[in-house]
């Protein structure tokens, strides 16, 4: 599970229960190297300053060859949680789950349950986008509420010099190099991106946000 605080400036899917299994770049033993392994989570103001973008990446360290056959797991729900009153409990959720080559987004909406278990909010605002295949031009959709969405493989944007980090831990170095070596260079992730009007979240103020992967 990745968490951060930021400053804001009709479906055929059945309702199903999900249980959380959190991850972080193959660090969590229960989900390491699985389709529910979260690599990173990003939230930032969109190019349109009235929007906020959320990016959840899963299935890290994919080689180009592995990426050609990588798919989103239809038994894994990715849920973006949004806390608007600073009590560390989600007030809104955005849910993403794949079906038959498409990614279905539900929300932002108030959840019927909080914490580890979730129910797909199939009656919430829905956004559907075709999943982009490796090597294809990005397929992006915008619904009538102004929500934009994308799902598909992307180059891993996270920069980390793991060798130097290990040297520091071992006492063989005292600092990182500038610029250092990008351990994740040449590897890909499966990326879920949704951009939402701030007015659907609260307009302005501070929010806490985090992402979870939940397996059926």
Protein backbone atom coordinates (compact mmCIF):
# COMPACT_ATOMS: atom_id res chain seq x y z
CA UNK A 1 0.00 0.00 0.00
CA UNK A 2 1.31 3.42 -0.97
CA UNK A 3 0.01 6.52 0.81
CA UNK A 4 0.55 10.25 0.39
CA UNK A 5 -0.87 13.64 1.31
CA UNK A 6 -1.43 16.20 -1.44
CA UNK A 7 -2.91 19.65 -1.76
CA UNK A 8 -5.79 20.00 -4.17
CA UNK A 9 -5.65 23.69 -5.78
CA UNK A 10 -24.36 0.60 -16.75
CA UNK A 11 -22.24 -2.35 -16.25
CA UNK A 12 -22.57 -6.11 -16.55
CA UNK A 13 -20.12 -6.58 -13.69
CA UNK A 14 -21.47 -8.43 -10.70
CA UNK A 15 -20.96 -7.22 -7.15
CA UNK A 16 -18.08 -9.13 -5.61
CA UNK A 17 -16.10 -9.09 -2.36
CA UNK A 18 -12.36 -8.43 -2.31
CA UNK A 19 -9.65 -8.75 0.33
CA UNK A 20 -6.60 -6.51 0.34
CA UNK A 21 -3.07 -7.73 -0.38
CA UNK A 22 -0.76 -4.71 -0.42
CA UNK A 23 2.65 -4.55 -2.06
CA UNK A 24 5.56 -2.26 -2.95
CA UNK A 25 8.09 -3.11 -5.71
CA UNK A 26 8.38 -6.84 -4.87
CA UNK A 27 8.91 -6.05 -1.17
CA UNK A 28 5.77 -7.79 0.12
CA UNK A 29 6.25 -11.59 0.27
CA UNK A 30 2.55 -12.41 -0.18
CA UNK A 31 2.33 -10.72 -3.58
CA UNK A 32 5.91 -10.42 -4.85
CA UNK A 33 6.07 -11.04 -8.60
CA UNK A 34 2.29 -11.48 -8.84
CA UNK A 35 -0.36 -9.57 -10.75
CA UNK A 36 -1.42 -7.74 -7.56
CA UNK A 37 2.07 -6.43 -6.74
CA UNK A 38 1.93 -2.61 -6.49
CA UNK A 39 5.10 -0.88 -7.62
CA UNK A 40 4.24 2.79 -7.08
CA UNK A 41 1.38 5.22 -6.64
CA UNK A 42 1.36 8.83 -7.84
CA UNK A 43 -1.14 11.66 -7.37
CA UNK A 44 -0.65 15.10 -8.87
CA UNK A 45 -2.42 18.07 -10.41
CA UNK A 46 -3.33 17.44 -14.03
CA UNK A 47 -2.28 19.53 -17.00
CA UNK A 48 -5.77 20.93 -16.61
CA UNK A 49 -5.36 22.60 -13.22
CA UNK A 50 -8.97 21.80 -12.35
CA UNK A 51 -8.17 18.07 -12.40
CA UNK A 52 -6.16 15.68 -10.27
CA UNK A 53 -4.46 12.60 -11.72
CA UNK A 54 -3.96 9.28 -9.95
CA UNK A 55 -1.53 6.65 -11.27
CA UNK A 56 -1.34 3.12 -9.83
CA UNK A 57 1.38 0.86 -11.26
CA UNK A 58 1.44 -2.92 -10.76
CA UNK A 59 3.53 -5.88 -11.92
CA UNK A 60 6.94 -4.26 -11.91
CA UNK A 61 10.26 -5.37 -13.43
CA UNK A 62 8.64 -6.57 -16.67
CA UNK A 63 11.14 -7.07 -19.47
CA UNK A 64 10.06 -5.95 -22.96
CA UNK A 65 9.51 -9.61 -23.89
CA UNK A 66 7.44 -10.28 -20.76
CA UNK A 67 5.44 -7.11 -21.35
CA UNK A 68 4.10 -8.41 -24.68
CA UNK A 69 2.10 -11.07 -22.84
CA UNK A 70 1.44 -9.20 -19.57
CA UNK A 71 -2.22 -8.65 -18.70
CA UNK A 72 -4.25 -7.19 -15.87
CA UNK A 73 -5.68 -9.86 -13.57
CA UNK A 74 -9.48 -10.01 -13.68
CA UNK A 75 -9.48 -11.26 -10.07
CA UNK A 76 -7.61 -8.19 -8.80
CA UNK A 77 -9.36 -4.93 -7.93
CA UNK A 78 -7.17 -1.83 -7.71
CA UNK A 79 -8.72 0.71 -5.37
CA UNK A 80 -7.62 4.32 -4.97
CA UNK A 81 -8.70 5.62 -1.56
CA UNK A 82 -9.26 9.30 -0.80
CA UNK A 83 -9.55 10.73 2.72
CA UNK A 84 -10.99 14.25 2.68
CA UNK A 85 -11.22 14.98 6.43
CA UNK A 86 -7.81 13.79 7.68
CA UNK A 87 -9.08 10.86 9.75
CA UNK A 88 -7.14 8.29 7.67
CA UNK A 89 -10.36 6.55 6.62
CA UNK A 90 -11.41 6.61 2.97
CA UNK A 91 -14.32 8.96 2.26
CA UNK A 92 -14.18 8.31 -1.49
CA UNK A 93 -12.87 5.47 -3.64
CA UNK A 94 -12.01 5.03 -7.28
CA UNK A 95 -12.09 1.36 -8.27
CA UNK A 96 -10.50 -0.19 -11.35
CA UNK A 97 -11.04 -3.75 -12.53
CA UNK A 98 -10.45 -5.38 -15.94
CA UNK A 99 -12.90 -7.43 -17.98
CA UNK A 100 -12.42 -8.78 -21.51
CA UNK A 101 -9.79 -6.31 -22.68
CA UNK A 102 -11.32 -3.25 -21.02
CA UNK A 103 -10.62 -1.48 -17.73
CA UNK A 104 -13.72 -0.47 -15.80
CA UNK A 105 -13.44 2.47 -13.41
CA UNK A 106 -16.09 3.20 -10.77
CA UNK A 107 -16.17 6.45 -8.81
CA UNK A 108 -15.07 8.60 -7.18
CA UNK A 109 -17.83 7.59 -4.81
CA UNK A 110 -18.41 6.97 -1.12
CA UNK A 111 -17.71 3.29 -0.32
CA UNK A 112 -20.25 1.05 1.37
CA UNK A 113 -17.43 -0.50 3.41
CA UNK A 114 -14.02 0.79 4.49
CA UNK A 115 -10.78 -0.96 5.34
CA UNK A 116 -9.62 -4.32 4.04
CA UNK A 117 -12.78 -5.45 2.27
CA UNK A 118 -14.46 -3.83 -0.72
CA UNK A 119 -17.57 -4.20 -2.83
CA UNK A 120 -17.48 -3.05 -6.44
CA UNK A 121 -19.51 0.16 -6.63
CA UNK A 122 -21.23 -0.76 -9.88
CA UNK A 123 -23.86 1.98 -9.55
CA UNK A 124 -21.25 4.75 -9.25
CA UNK A 125 -19.97 6.96 -12.05
CA UNK A 126 -18.44 4.61 -14.61
CA UNK A 127 -15.58 5.12 -17.04
CA UNK A 128 -14.52 2.38 -19.47
CA UNK A 129 -11.35 2.32 -21.56
CA UNK A 130 -9.86 -0.27 -23.90
CA UNK A 131 -6.64 -1.65 -22.44
CA UNK A 132 -3.69 -0.53 -24.56
CA UNK A 133 -1.45 -3.36 -25.75
CA UNK A 134 2.34 -3.17 -25.68
CA UNK A 135 3.59 -1.05 -28.58
CA UNK A 136 0.19 0.48 -29.36
CA UNK A 137 -0.61 4.17 -29.28
CA UNK A 138 -2.18 4.97 -25.93
CA UNK A 139 -5.95 4.56 -25.83
CA UNK A 140 -7.49 7.24 -23.62
CA UNK A 141 -11.17 7.81 -22.96
CA UNK A 142 -13.06 10.74 -21.43
CA UNK A 143 -16.56 10.24 -20.03
CA UNK A 144 -19.40 12.77 -19.80
CA UNK A 145 -18.24 13.84 -16.31
CA UNK A 146 -14.79 14.83 -17.57
CA UNK A 147 -13.01 11.78 -16.11
CA UNK A 148 -10.12 10.59 -18.29
CA UNK A 149 -8.73 7.06 -18.08
CA UNK A 150 -5.93 4.86 -19.42
CA UNK A 151 -4.76 1.32 -18.71
CA UNK A 152 -1.82 -0.54 -20.20
CA UNK A 153 1.95 -1.12 -20.11
CA UNK A 154 4.34 1.76 -19.57
CA UNK A 155 8.04 2.23 -18.85
CA UNK A 156 8.64 2.16 -15.08
CA UNK A 157 9.04 5.86 -14.15
CA UNK A 158 10.57 5.18 -10.73
CA UNK A 159 14.30 6.00 -10.50
CA UNK A 160 16.32 4.10 -7.91
CA UNK A 161 19.99 3.14 -7.68
CA UNK A 162 19.62 -0.16 -5.87
CA UNK A 163 23.33 -1.08 -6.03
CA UNK A 164 24.36 2.18 -4.37
CA UNK A 165 21.57 1.81 -1.83
CA UNK A 166 22.91 -1.64 -0.93
CA UNK A 167 26.44 -0.22 -0.66
CA UNK A 168 25.23 2.44 1.76
CA UNK A 169 23.47 -0.17 3.91
CA UNK A 170 26.63 -2.29 3.94
CA UNK A 171 28.75 0.68 5.03
CA UNK A 172 30.71 0.75 1.76
CA UNK A 173 29.35 4.15 0.71
CA UNK A 174 28.02 7.23 2.48
CA UNK A 175 25.79 8.80 -0.16
CA UNK A 176 24.10 8.34 -3.51
CA UNK A 177 25.84 9.27 -6.74
CA UNK A 178 24.58 12.03 -9.00
CA UNK A 179 22.87 10.95 -11.19
CA UNK A 180 23.48 7.30 -10.26
CA UNK A 181 22.33 4.19 -12.11
CA UNK A 182 18.66 3.57 -12.83
CA UNK A 183 18.06 0.02 -11.63
CA UNK A 184 14.63 -0.07 -13.29
CA UNK A 185 15.82 1.19 -16.67
CA UNK A 186 14.42 -0.94 -19.49
CA UNK A 187 11.68 -2.48 -17.35
CA UNK A 188 7.96 -1.88 -17.56
CA UNK A 189 4.88 -1.80 -15.38
CA UNK A 190 1.16 -2.24 -15.97
CA UNK A 191 -0.25 1.22 -15.38
CA UNK A 192 -3.73 2.39 -14.35
CA UNK A 193 -4.30 6.13 -14.80
CA UNK A 194 -7.40 8.14 -13.99
CA UNK A 195 -7.77 11.94 -14.07
CA UNK A 196 -10.71 13.38 -12.16
CA UNK A 197 -12.15 16.90 -11.85
CA UNK A 198 -11.31 18.27 -8.41
CA UNK A 199 -14.97 19.23 -8.03
CA UNK A 200 -15.80 15.51 -7.76
CA UNK A 201 -13.40 15.17 -4.82
CA UNK A 202 -13.91 18.40 -2.93
CA UNK A 203 -12.51 21.18 -5.02
CA UNK A 204 -9.73 22.44 -2.78
CA UNK A 205 -7.95 21.64 0.46
CA UNK A 206 -5.75 18.78 1.58
CA UNK A 207 -6.50 15.10 1.00
CA UNK A 208 -4.79 11.87 1.97
CA UNK A 209 -4.73 9.23 -0.74
CA UNK A 210 -3.47 5.66 -0.99
CA UNK A 211 -3.86 2.65 -3.24
CA UNK A 212 -4.60 -1.00 -2.50
CA UNK A 213 -4.77 -4.16 -4.59
CA UNK A 214 -7.49 -6.56 -3.49
CA UNK A 215 -7.79 -10.12 -4.73
CA UNK A 216 -11.18 -11.77 -5.16
